[in-house]
Amino acid sequence: MADRNDLPLSEDASTRLVPWIVGVMAYLAALAFAAALMLSNIASEWSQGLEGSLTVQVPVAEGDKADVTDSRIVSAVRILLKTEGVESARPIPLAEIAEMLEPWLGTGAGTSDLPLPRVIDVQLHEGANVDLDELSRKLEATVPGISLESHEQWRNTLLVLFRSVEFVAILIILLISTVTLAAIVFTTRSVLAVHYEIVEVLHLIGAQDTYVADQFQKHAFRMSLKGSIGGTASALATILGIALLTNDLETSLLPPTTLAYWHWLLLAMLPIGESYGAMLTARFTILRALRRMS
């Protein structure tokens, strides 16, 4: 009896819009989920890139000769390498600084005429605890005007921003899921009201409530699967389109909008999860309604 289909649910006009509703909600949920995964990726990459690193800026006054600037850089590097916990101190060449400034100054702008500060990239040993105030005082005593940046405050602010946006994305997913399940509940109730007489006949010939619920949950699963596959596929196409459009832009202007392979697998599995959620919602709704009817 479980394999029979005694309720003409597929012919019900009231359920024709359900796949479209589920599809739109699945599209929005997949986009929000992908955005949360991308933000998590960006936050992790930027946090790892800034963790355990310092930046030292050696000011260059207008009219300073190259040998004077190089001497100040060498003095700063010596102090840094003598500091316990410092793994390396690399002066960044002017050509590399010019490349970083290219998106703002343009390729034709020369940096040799600009009083750009020289930058030293400092890497710390893992777990090193460096007294930054003491190190800053030593550097200032040897090279006046030098500055030391640990990036900690900026990194923490950035992480709070990303985590907040992630929380909003997750909240949007929960709201979309709630609206979708509510639509399934209302549709299931309306379909049950339409087929009330048939359900009564099934009860008279010995059908159990679980059998009737099976009829509805299978129909809800099929409708949701059809809609969620279409919505998720559209969302994946949208994400790929955005990735292709931003691929040609300078990476220094925008963070990388990429997903790991397992992120794509999670997105591809969304229709299954959404369909089972709709199926269980329909089953719970029908069983509760039937208990009230008996």
Protein backbone atom coordinates (compact mmCIF):
# COMPACT_ATOMS: atom_id res chain seq x y z
CA MET A 1 0.00 0.00 0.00
CA ALA A 2 2.98 2.32 0.57
CA ASP A 3 3.82 2.24 -3.15
CA ARG A 4 0.34 3.22 -4.28
CA ASN A 5 -0.69 6.79 -5.06
CA ASP A 6 -4.34 7.16 -4.11
CA LEU A 7 -4.28 10.97 -3.89
CA PRO A 8 -4.13 12.97 -7.17
CA LEU A 9 -1.75 15.53 -5.65
CA SER A 10 0.24 16.07 -8.84
CA GLU A 11 -2.94 17.29 -10.58
CA ASP A 12 -3.70 19.85 -7.89
CA ALA A 13 -3.49 23.41 -9.28
CA SER A 14 -2.80 24.83 -5.81
CA THR A 15 0.65 23.24 -5.75
CA ARG A 16 1.88 24.42 -9.15
CA LEU A 17 3.52 27.54 -7.73
CA VAL A 18 5.33 25.66 -4.96
CA PRO A 19 8.37 24.68 -7.12
CA TRP A 20 8.73 28.31 -8.21
CA ILE A 21 8.54 29.57 -4.63
CA VAL A 22 11.04 26.97 -3.47
CA GLY A 23 13.27 27.75 -6.46
CA VAL A 24 13.42 31.48 -5.69
CA MET A 25 14.11 30.80 -2.02
CA ALA A 26 16.78 28.22 -2.91
CA TYR A 27 18.42 30.76 -5.22
CA LEU A 28 18.58 33.40 -2.47
CA ALA A 29 19.70 30.89 0.16
CA ALA A 30 22.50 29.56 -2.08
CA LEU A 31 23.75 33.09 -2.78
CA ALA A 32 23.71 33.97 0.92
CA PHE A 33 25.46 30.70 1.80
CA ALA A 34 28.12 31.26 -0.88
CA ALA A 35 28.65 34.81 0.39
CA ALA A 36 29.17 33.51 3.93
CA LEU A 37 31.68 30.92 2.69
CA MET A 38 33.57 33.53 0.64
CA LEU A 39 33.74 35.91 3.60
CA SER A 40 35.03 33.10 5.78
CA ASN A 41 37.73 32.37 3.19
CA ILE A 42 38.76 36.01 2.90
CA ALA A 43 38.84 36.51 6.67
CA SER A 44 41.01 33.41 7.15
CA GLU A 45 43.45 34.34 4.38
CA TRP A 46 43.86 37.94 5.52
CA SER A 47 44.14 36.93 9.17
CA GLN A 48 46.82 34.32 8.41
CA GLY A 49 48.66 36.77 6.17
CA LEU A 50 48.82 39.43 8.88
CA GLU A 51 49.37 37.16 11.86
CA GLY A 52 52.97 36.99 13.02
CA SER A 53 54.10 39.91 10.90
CA LEU A 54 55.14 43.51 11.47
CA THR A 55 55.64 46.44 9.13
CA VAL A 56 58.36 49.02 9.70
CA GLN A 57 58.28 52.29 7.77
CA VAL A 58 61.48 54.28 7.32
CA PRO A 59 60.59 57.86 6.37
CA VAL A 60 62.40 59.49 3.44
CA ALA A 61 62.76 63.25 3.62
CA GLU A 62 62.79 65.28 0.44
CA GLY A 63 66.37 65.72 -0.72
CA ASP A 64 67.73 62.65 1.10
CA LYS A 65 70.32 60.78 -0.91
CA ALA A 66 69.94 57.09 -1.63
CA ASP A 67 72.97 56.10 0.45
CA VAL A 68 71.61 57.96 3.50
CA THR A 69 68.26 56.17 3.19
CA ASP A 70 69.97 52.80 2.68
CA SER A 71 72.08 53.39 5.78
CA ARG A 72 68.97 54.06 7.87
CA ILE A 73 67.34 50.91 6.52
CA VAL A 74 70.39 48.81 7.33
CA SER A 75 70.46 50.20 10.90
CA ALA A 76 66.80 49.35 11.37
CA VAL A 77 67.26 45.84 9.96
CA ARG A 78 70.16 45.18 12.33
CA ILE A 79 68.07 46.13 15.34
CA LEU A 80 65.20 43.96 14.14
CA LEU A 81 67.35 40.90 13.54
CA LYS A 82 68.90 41.24 17.00
CA THR A 83 65.44 41.26 18.60
CA GLU A 84 64.40 37.96 20.14
CA GLY A 85 61.44 36.45 18.33
CA VAL A 86 62.13 38.08 14.95
CA GLU A 87 62.62 35.49 12.21
CA SER A 88 63.37 37.78 9.25
CA ALA A 89 63.41 41.44 8.23
CA ARG A 90 63.23 42.12 4.49
CA PRO A 91 63.39 45.64 3.02
CA ILE A 92 60.80 45.82 0.25
CA PRO A 93 62.37 47.14 -3.01
CA LEU A 94 61.01 50.33 -4.52
CA ALA A 95 59.96 48.40 -7.64
CA GLU A 96 57.70 46.20 -5.50
CA ILE A 97 56.24 49.24 -3.73
CA ALA A 98 55.58 50.82 -7.12
CA GLU A 99 53.78 47.67 -8.23
CA MET A 100 51.56 47.82 -5.14
CA LEU A 101 50.71 51.46 -5.87
CA GLU A 102 50.07 50.84 -9.57
CA PRO A 103 46.26 50.56 -9.26
CA TRP A 104 46.14 54.08 -7.79
CA LEU A 105 49.06 55.87 -9.48
CA GLY A 106 48.92 54.08 -12.84
CA THR A 107 51.64 52.25 -14.74
CA GLY A 108 53.18 55.41 -16.13
CA ALA A 109 53.67 57.14 -12.79
CA GLY A 110 57.23 57.07 -11.52
CA THR A 111 57.83 56.52 -7.83
CA SER A 112 61.43 57.68 -7.86
CA ASP A 113 60.31 61.31 -7.67
CA LEU A 114 57.92 60.67 -4.78
CA PRO A 115 59.11 60.76 -1.15
CA LEU A 116 57.74 57.29 -0.45
CA PRO A 117 58.69 55.72 2.87
CA ARG A 118 60.77 52.60 2.64
CA VAL A 119 59.08 49.54 4.08
CA ILE A 120 60.59 46.61 5.95
CA ASP A 121 58.57 43.39 6.13
CA VAL A 122 59.21 41.66 9.47
CA GLN A 123 58.22 38.04 10.13
CA LEU A 124 58.07 36.68 13.68
CA HIS A 125 58.65 33.17 14.93
CA GLU A 126 55.48 31.23 15.64
CA GLY A 127 54.23 32.03 19.12
CA ALA A 128 56.87 34.73 19.63
CA ASN A 129 56.03 37.40 22.21
CA VAL A 130 57.84 40.56 21.19
CA ASP A 131 57.74 43.70 23.31
CA LEU A 132 56.61 46.08 20.59
CA ASP A 133 56.89 49.21 22.73
CA GLU A 134 60.52 48.44 23.60
CA LEU A 135 61.31 47.58 20.00
CA SER A 136 59.70 50.80 18.80
CA ARG A 137 61.79 52.84 21.25
CA LYS A 138 65.01 51.18 20.05
CA LEU A 139 64.16 51.85 16.43
CA GLU A 140 63.19 55.46 17.13
CA ALA A 141 66.44 56.08 19.01
CA THR A 142 68.48 54.83 16.06
CA VAL A 143 66.33 56.05 13.16
CA PRO A 144 64.24 59.11 14.10
CA GLY A 145 60.79 59.18 12.59
CA ILE A 146 60.58 55.43 12.04
CA SER A 147 57.23 53.75 12.72
CA LEU A 148 56.26 50.21 13.70
CA GLU A 149 52.87 48.71 12.84
CA SER A 150 51.69 45.37 14.21
CA HIS A 151 48.37 45.26 12.25
CA GLU A 152 46.68 43.71 15.30
CA GLN A 153 44.03 46.40 15.78
CA TRP A 154 43.30 46.60 12.06
CA ARG A 155 43.14 42.79 11.79
CA ASN A 156 40.77 42.51 14.75
CA THR A 157 38.51 45.23 13.31
CA LEU A 158 38.51 43.47 9.95
CA LEU A 159 37.64 40.12 11.52
CA VAL A 160 34.78 41.65 13.51
CA LEU A 161 33.43 43.19 10.30
CA PHE A 162 33.64 39.93 8.37
CA ARG A 163 32.12 37.87 11.19
CA SER A 164 29.27 40.36 11.49
CA VAL A 165 28.49 40.11 7.77
CA GLU A 166 28.72 36.30 8.03
CA PHE A 167 26.21 36.39 10.89
CA VAL A 168 23.85 38.51 8.79
CA ALA A 169 24.20 36.04 5.88
CA ILE A 170 23.39 33.11 8.16
CA LEU A 171 20.41 35.02 9.58
CA ILE A 172 19.16 35.62 6.02
CA ILE A 173 19.46 31.88 5.29
CA LEU A 174 17.43 31.06 8.41
CA LEU A 175 14.75 33.59 7.46
CA ILE A 176 14.56 32.22 3.91
CA SER A 177 14.29 28.67 5.25
CA THR A 178 11.53 29.72 7.65
CA VAL A 179 9.54 31.39 4.86
CA THR A 180 9.99 28.33 2.62
CA LEU A 181 8.83 25.90 5.28
CA ALA A 182 5.89 28.15 6.10
CA ALA A 183 4.88 28.04 2.44
CA ILE A 184 5.08 24.25 2.54
CA VAL A 185 2.90 24.17 5.67
CA PHE A 186 0.20 26.42 4.20
CA THR A 187 0.23 24.57 0.87
CA THR A 188 -0.03 21.19 2.59
CA ARG A 189 -2.97 22.34 4.68
CA SER A 190 -4.78 23.73 1.65
CA VAL A 191 -4.19 20.53 -0.34
CA LEU A 192 -5.47 18.46 2.57
CA ALA A 193 -8.61 20.60 2.71
CA VAL A 194 -9.17 20.07 -1.03
CA HIS A 195 -8.76 16.30 -0.76
CA TYR A 196 -10.49 15.92 2.59
CA GLU A 197 -13.19 13.60 1.22
CA ILE A 198 -10.64 11.30 -0.40
CA VAL A 199 -8.69 11.12 2.85
CA GLU A 200 -11.91 10.18 4.67
CA VAL A 201 -12.55 7.37 2.17
CA LEU A 202 -9.00 6.08 2.63
CA HIS A 203 -9.56 6.01 6.39
CA LEU A 204 -12.78 4.03 5.91
CA ILE A 205 -11.01 1.35 3.87
CA GLY A 206 -8.31 1.00 6.53
CA ALA A 207 -5.57 3.44 5.53
CA GLN A 208 -3.48 4.67 8.44
CA ASP A 209 -2.47 8.30 9.02
CA THR A 210 1.14 7.41 8.23
CA TYR A 211 0.11 6.17 4.77
CA VAL A 212 -1.67 9.44 4.00
CA ALA A 213 1.32 11.37 5.31
CA ASP A 214 3.59 9.33 3.03
CA GLN A 215 1.52 10.46 0.04
CA PHE A 216 1.91 14.09 0.95
CA GLN A 217 5.58 13.94 1.92
CA LYS A 218 6.58 12.24 -1.33
CA HIS A 219 4.76 14.91 -3.29
CA ALA A 220 6.37 17.67 -1.22
CA PHE A 221 9.81 16.10 -1.76
CA ARG A 222 9.36 15.96 -5.54
CA MET A 223 8.09 19.54 -5.77
CA SER A 224 10.85 20.90 -3.54
CA LEU A 225 13.57 18.94 -5.32
CA LYS A 226 12.46 20.28 -8.69
CA GLY A 227 12.41 23.88 -7.46
CA SER A 228 15.56 23.74 -5.36
CA ILE A 229 17.64 22.16 -8.15
CA GLY A 230 16.61 24.96 -10.51
CA GLY A 231 17.23 27.68 -7.92
CA THR A 232 20.58 26.31 -6.79
CA ALA A 233 21.77 25.79 -10.37
CA SER A 234 20.87 29.41 -11.16
CA ALA A 235 22.75 30.57 -8.06
CA LEU A 236 25.85 28.57 -9.03
CA ALA A 237 25.71 30.09 -12.52
CA THR A 238 25.46 33.55 -10.96
CA ILE A 239 28.45 32.89 -8.70
CA LEU A 240 30.53 31.61 -11.63
CA GLY A 241 29.56 34.68 -13.65
CA ILE A 242 30.64 37.02 -10.86
CA ALA A 243 33.92 35.10 -10.46
CA LEU A 244 34.64 35.40 -14.20
CA LEU A 245 33.85 39.12 -14.23
CA THR A 246 36.08 39.87 -11.23
CA ASN A 247 38.88 37.61 -12.44
CA ASP A 248 40.20 40.33 -14.76
CA LEU A 249 40.23 43.01 -12.07
CA GLU A 250 43.31 43.84 -10.06
CA THR A 251 43.56 41.58 -7.02
CA SER A 252 44.72 44.55 -4.96
CA LEU A 253 41.41 46.30 -5.56
CA LEU A 254 39.11 43.43 -4.66
CA PRO A 255 39.57 40.36 -2.45
CA PRO A 256 39.58 37.01 -4.27
CA THR A 257 36.00 35.79 -4.80
CA THR A 258 36.85 32.10 -4.82
CA LEU A 259 35.44 29.02 -3.16
CA ALA A 260 37.19 25.83 -2.17
CA TYR A 261 36.16 22.60 -3.89
CA TRP A 262 34.33 21.39 -0.79
CA HIS A 263 32.37 24.65 -0.74
CA TRP A 264 31.01 23.80 -4.19
CA LEU A 265 30.06 20.36 -2.90
CA LEU A 266 28.15 21.91 -0.01
CA LEU A 267 26.31 24.22 -2.40
CA ALA A 268 25.49 21.32 -4.72
CA MET A 269 24.02 19.38 -1.78
CA LEU A 270 21.65 22.18 -0.81
CA PRO A 271 18.74 20.86 -2.94
CA ILE A 272 18.83 17.52 -1.12
CA GLY A 273 18.76 19.17 2.29
CA GLU A 274 16.01 21.57 1.28
CA SER A 275 13.90 18.76 -0.21
CA TYR A 276 14.20 16.60 2.90
CA GLY A 277 13.32 19.62 5.03
CA ALA A 278 10.18 20.19 2.96
CA MET A 279 9.32 16.48 3.13
CA LEU A 280 9.58 16.33 6.92
CA THR A 281 7.62 19.58 7.25
CA ALA A 282 4.82 18.19 5.09
CA ARG A 283 4.77 14.94 7.05
CA PHE A 284 4.61 16.70 10.42
CA THR A 285 1.88 19.05 9.15
CA ILE A 286 -0.28 16.23 7.78
CA LEU A 287 0.04 13.99 10.84
CA ARG A 288 -0.86 16.87 13.13
CA ALA A 289 -3.86 17.83 10.98
CA LEU A 290 -5.07 14.23 10.78
CA ARG A 291 -4.87 13.82 14.53
CA ARG A 292 -7.11 16.85 14.90
CA MET A 293 -9.56 15.50 12.33
CA SER A 294 -9.95 12.10 14.05
